[in-house]
């Protein structure tokens, strides 16, 4: 695949399974550094490890957890 997202950071909420995991894989394959956020810690960590990304446990209803997710993205 082309590296359309080389040098970019993508934050995927719901990235542990389904469409979120597929999106995380696709963006990573196209060069993005992917931060996976999800409540499903085991699955989210597995997806992140598979794609060389980072997992941040995230409940999108919790402002503090969203801030942690964004902070993780800002480090890259």
N, C-alpha and C. Protein backbone atom coordinates (compact mmCIF):
# COMPACT_ATOMS: atom_id res chain seq x y z
N UNK A 1 0.82 -1.19 0.00
CA UNK A 1 0.00 0.00 0.00
C UNK A 1 0.87 1.25 0.00
N UNK A 2 0.30 2.30 -0.49
CA UNK A 2 0.98 3.59 -0.45
C UNK A 2 1.03 4.10 0.98
N UNK A 3 1.99 4.92 1.26
CA UNK A 3 2.15 5.49 2.61
C UNK A 3 1.49 6.86 2.67
N UNK A 4 0.18 6.90 2.40
CA UNK A 4 -0.54 8.18 2.36
C UNK A 4 -0.55 8.90 3.70
N UNK A 5 -0.40 8.15 4.78
CA UNK A 5 -0.49 8.75 6.11
C UNK A 5 0.84 8.73 6.86
N UNK A 6 1.92 8.59 6.12
CA UNK A 6 3.26 8.62 6.72
C UNK A 6 3.45 9.93 7.48
N UNK A 7 3.92 9.83 8.72
CA UNK A 7 4.16 11.02 9.52
C UNK A 7 2.92 11.58 10.21
N UNK A 8 1.79 10.90 10.06
CA UNK A 8 0.54 11.35 10.68
C UNK A 8 0.22 10.47 11.88
N UNK A 9 -0.56 11.01 12.81
CA UNK A 9 -1.03 10.27 13.97
C UNK A 9 -2.54 10.15 13.86
N UNK A 10 -3.06 8.94 14.02
CA UNK A 10 -4.50 8.70 13.97
C UNK A 10 -4.96 8.20 15.33
N UNK A 11 -6.05 8.76 15.82
CA UNK A 11 -6.66 8.32 17.07
C UNK A 11 -7.96 7.61 16.70
N UNK A 12 -8.07 6.35 17.09
CA UNK A 12 -9.25 5.57 16.77
C UNK A 12 -9.95 5.17 18.06
N UNK A 13 -11.15 5.70 18.29
CA UNK A 13 -11.94 5.25 19.43
C UNK A 13 -12.74 4.04 18.96
N UNK A 14 -12.96 3.10 19.86
CA UNK A 14 -13.63 1.86 19.46
C UNK A 14 -12.73 1.01 18.58
N UNK A 15 -11.43 1.15 18.78
CA UNK A 15 -10.45 0.49 17.90
C UNK A 15 -10.13 -0.95 18.24
N UNK A 16 -10.81 -1.52 19.24
CA UNK A 16 -10.50 -2.89 19.65
C UNK A 16 -11.15 -3.94 18.77
N UNK A 17 -12.21 -3.58 18.06
CA UNK A 17 -12.91 -4.59 17.26
C UNK A 17 -13.70 -3.91 16.14
N UNK A 18 -14.23 -4.72 15.26
CA UNK A 18 -15.12 -4.25 14.20
C UNK A 18 -14.51 -3.21 13.30
N UNK A 19 -15.33 -2.21 12.96
CA UNK A 19 -14.90 -1.15 12.04
C UNK A 19 -13.71 -0.37 12.60
N UNK A 20 -13.69 -0.14 13.91
CA UNK A 20 -12.57 0.59 14.52
C UNK A 20 -11.25 -0.14 14.34
N UNK A 21 -11.25 -1.45 14.59
CA UNK A 21 -10.02 -2.24 14.42
C UNK A 21 -9.60 -2.28 12.96
N UNK A 22 -10.57 -2.43 12.06
CA UNK A 22 -10.24 -2.44 10.63
C UNK A 22 -9.66 -1.11 10.19
N UNK A 23 -10.20 -0.02 10.71
CA UNK A 23 -9.69 1.31 10.37
C UNK A 23 -8.28 1.49 10.91
N UNK A 24 -8.05 1.04 12.15
CA UNK A 24 -6.72 1.13 12.75
C UNK A 24 -5.70 0.37 11.90
N UNK A 25 -6.07 -0.83 11.48
CA UNK A 25 -5.15 -1.64 10.64
C UNK A 25 -4.86 -0.96 9.31
N UNK A 26 -5.90 -0.43 8.68
CA UNK A 26 -5.73 0.22 7.38
C UNK A 26 -4.84 1.46 7.48
N UNK A 27 -5.10 2.30 8.48
CA UNK A 27 -4.29 3.51 8.63
C UNK A 27 -2.84 3.17 8.96
N UNK A 28 -2.63 2.16 9.79
CA UNK A 28 -1.25 1.73 10.11
C UNK A 28 -0.56 1.21 8.86
N UNK A 29 -1.29 0.44 8.05
CA UNK A 29 -0.71 -0.10 6.82
C UNK A 29 -0.33 1.02 5.85
N UNK A 30 -1.02 2.16 5.97
CA UNK A 30 -0.73 3.28 5.09
C UNK A 30 0.20 4.30 5.74
N UNK A 31 0.86 3.90 6.83
CA UNK A 31 1.92 4.71 7.39
C UNK A 31 1.62 5.51 8.64
N UNK A 32 0.38 5.53 9.10
CA UNK A 32 0.03 6.34 10.28
C UNK A 32 0.52 5.67 11.56
N UNK A 33 0.83 6.47 12.52
CA UNK A 33 1.07 6.01 13.90
C UNK A 33 -0.31 6.01 14.54
N UNK A 34 -0.79 4.85 14.99
CA UNK A 34 -2.17 4.73 15.44
C UNK A 34 -2.25 4.57 16.95
N UNK A 35 -3.13 5.37 17.55
CA UNK A 35 -3.44 5.29 18.96
C UNK A 35 -4.84 4.68 19.05
N UNK A 36 -4.94 3.50 19.66
CA UNK A 36 -6.20 2.79 19.78
C UNK A 36 -6.81 3.07 21.15
N UNK A 37 -8.04 3.56 21.16
CA UNK A 37 -8.75 3.78 22.41
C UNK A 37 -9.98 2.90 22.46
N UNK A 38 -10.21 2.25 23.60
CA UNK A 38 -11.38 1.38 23.74
C UNK A 38 -11.53 0.96 25.19
N UNK A 39 -12.73 0.51 25.55
CA UNK A 39 -12.96 -0.06 26.87
C UNK A 39 -12.45 -1.49 26.97
N UNK A 40 -12.39 -2.18 25.84
CA UNK A 40 -11.96 -3.57 25.81
C UNK A 40 -10.42 -3.63 25.82
N UNK A 41 -9.86 -3.64 27.01
CA UNK A 41 -8.41 -3.50 27.16
C UNK A 41 -7.63 -4.62 26.47
N UNK A 42 -8.04 -5.86 26.66
CA UNK A 42 -7.28 -6.97 26.09
C UNK A 42 -7.29 -6.93 24.56
N UNK A 43 -8.47 -6.73 23.99
CA UNK A 43 -8.57 -6.67 22.52
C UNK A 43 -7.87 -5.43 21.97
N UNK A 44 -8.05 -4.30 22.63
CA UNK A 44 -7.43 -3.06 22.18
C UNK A 44 -5.91 -3.14 22.19
N UNK A 45 -5.38 -3.72 23.27
CA UNK A 45 -3.93 -3.88 23.36
C UNK A 45 -3.42 -4.83 22.28
N UNK A 46 -4.20 -5.85 21.98
CA UNK A 46 -3.79 -6.82 20.94
C UNK A 46 -3.75 -6.14 19.56
N UNK A 47 -4.76 -5.34 19.25
CA UNK A 47 -4.77 -4.63 17.97
C UNK A 47 -3.59 -3.68 17.89
N UNK A 48 -3.37 -2.92 18.96
CA UNK A 48 -2.25 -1.97 18.98
C UNK A 48 -0.91 -2.69 18.79
N UNK A 49 -0.74 -3.81 19.47
CA UNK A 49 0.51 -4.56 19.33
C UNK A 49 0.68 -5.08 17.91
N UNK A 50 -0.40 -5.55 17.33
CA UNK A 50 -0.37 -6.09 15.96
C UNK A 50 0.09 -5.05 14.95
N UNK A 51 -0.33 -3.81 15.14
CA UNK A 51 -0.04 -2.76 14.15
C UNK A 51 1.11 -1.85 14.55
N UNK A 52 1.73 -2.14 15.70
CA UNK A 52 2.83 -1.29 16.16
C UNK A 52 2.36 0.05 16.68
N UNK A 53 1.12 0.08 17.19
CA UNK A 53 0.55 1.31 17.71
C UNK A 53 0.60 1.35 19.22
N UNK A 54 -0.25 2.16 19.79
CA UNK A 54 -0.33 2.32 21.24
C UNK A 54 -1.78 2.16 21.66
N UNK A 55 -2.01 1.51 22.79
CA UNK A 55 -3.36 1.36 23.33
C UNK A 55 -3.52 2.24 24.55
N UNK A 56 -4.65 2.95 24.60
CA UNK A 56 -5.01 3.77 25.76
C UNK A 56 -6.43 3.37 26.16
N UNK A 57 -6.60 2.80 27.37
CA UNK A 57 -7.95 2.45 27.81
C UNK A 57 -8.81 3.71 27.82
N UNK A 58 -9.97 3.64 27.14
CA UNK A 58 -10.77 4.86 26.98
C UNK A 58 -12.26 4.56 27.04
N UNK A 59 -12.92 5.28 27.94
CA UNK A 59 -14.37 5.34 27.98
C UNK A 59 -14.70 6.73 27.46
N UNK A 60 -15.32 6.81 26.29
CA UNK A 60 -15.55 8.11 25.66
C UNK A 60 -16.54 8.98 26.45
N UNK A 61 -17.21 8.41 27.46
CA UNK A 61 -18.11 9.18 28.31
C UNK A 61 -17.35 9.86 29.45
N UNK A 62 -16.06 9.58 29.56
CA UNK A 62 -15.24 10.12 30.65
C UNK A 62 -14.25 11.14 30.09
N UNK A 63 -14.47 12.40 30.42
CA UNK A 63 -13.63 13.48 29.89
C UNK A 63 -12.14 13.26 30.18
N UNK A 64 -11.81 12.81 31.38
CA UNK A 64 -10.42 12.59 31.73
C UNK A 64 -9.77 11.53 30.86
N UNK A 65 -10.51 10.49 30.52
CA UNK A 65 -9.96 9.44 29.67
C UNK A 65 -9.77 9.93 28.23
N UNK A 66 -10.67 10.77 27.77
CA UNK A 66 -10.51 11.38 26.44
C UNK A 66 -9.27 12.27 26.42
N UNK A 67 -9.07 13.02 27.50
CA UNK A 67 -7.88 13.87 27.59
C UNK A 67 -6.62 13.03 27.58
N UNK A 68 -6.63 11.86 28.23
CA UNK A 68 -5.47 10.97 28.21
C UNK A 68 -5.20 10.43 26.82
N UNK A 69 -6.27 10.12 26.09
CA UNK A 69 -6.14 9.63 24.72
C UNK A 69 -5.52 10.69 23.82
N UNK A 70 -5.99 11.91 23.95
CA UNK A 70 -5.46 13.01 23.15
C UNK A 70 -4.01 13.30 23.54
N UNK A 71 -3.70 13.23 24.82
CA UNK A 71 -2.33 13.45 25.27
C UNK A 71 -1.39 12.41 24.68
N UNK A 72 -1.85 11.16 24.59
CA UNK A 72 -1.03 10.11 23.99
C UNK A 72 -0.73 10.44 22.54
N UNK A 73 -1.72 10.94 21.83
CA UNK A 73 -1.51 11.31 20.43
C UNK A 73 -0.54 12.47 20.30
N UNK A 74 -0.62 13.41 21.24
CA UNK A 74 0.24 14.60 21.18
C UNK A 74 1.71 14.25 21.40
N UNK A 75 1.99 13.13 22.05
CA UNK A 75 3.37 12.72 22.28
C UNK A 75 4.05 12.22 21.00
N UNK A 76 3.28 11.98 19.97
CA UNK A 76 3.84 11.41 18.74
C UNK A 76 3.94 12.45 17.70
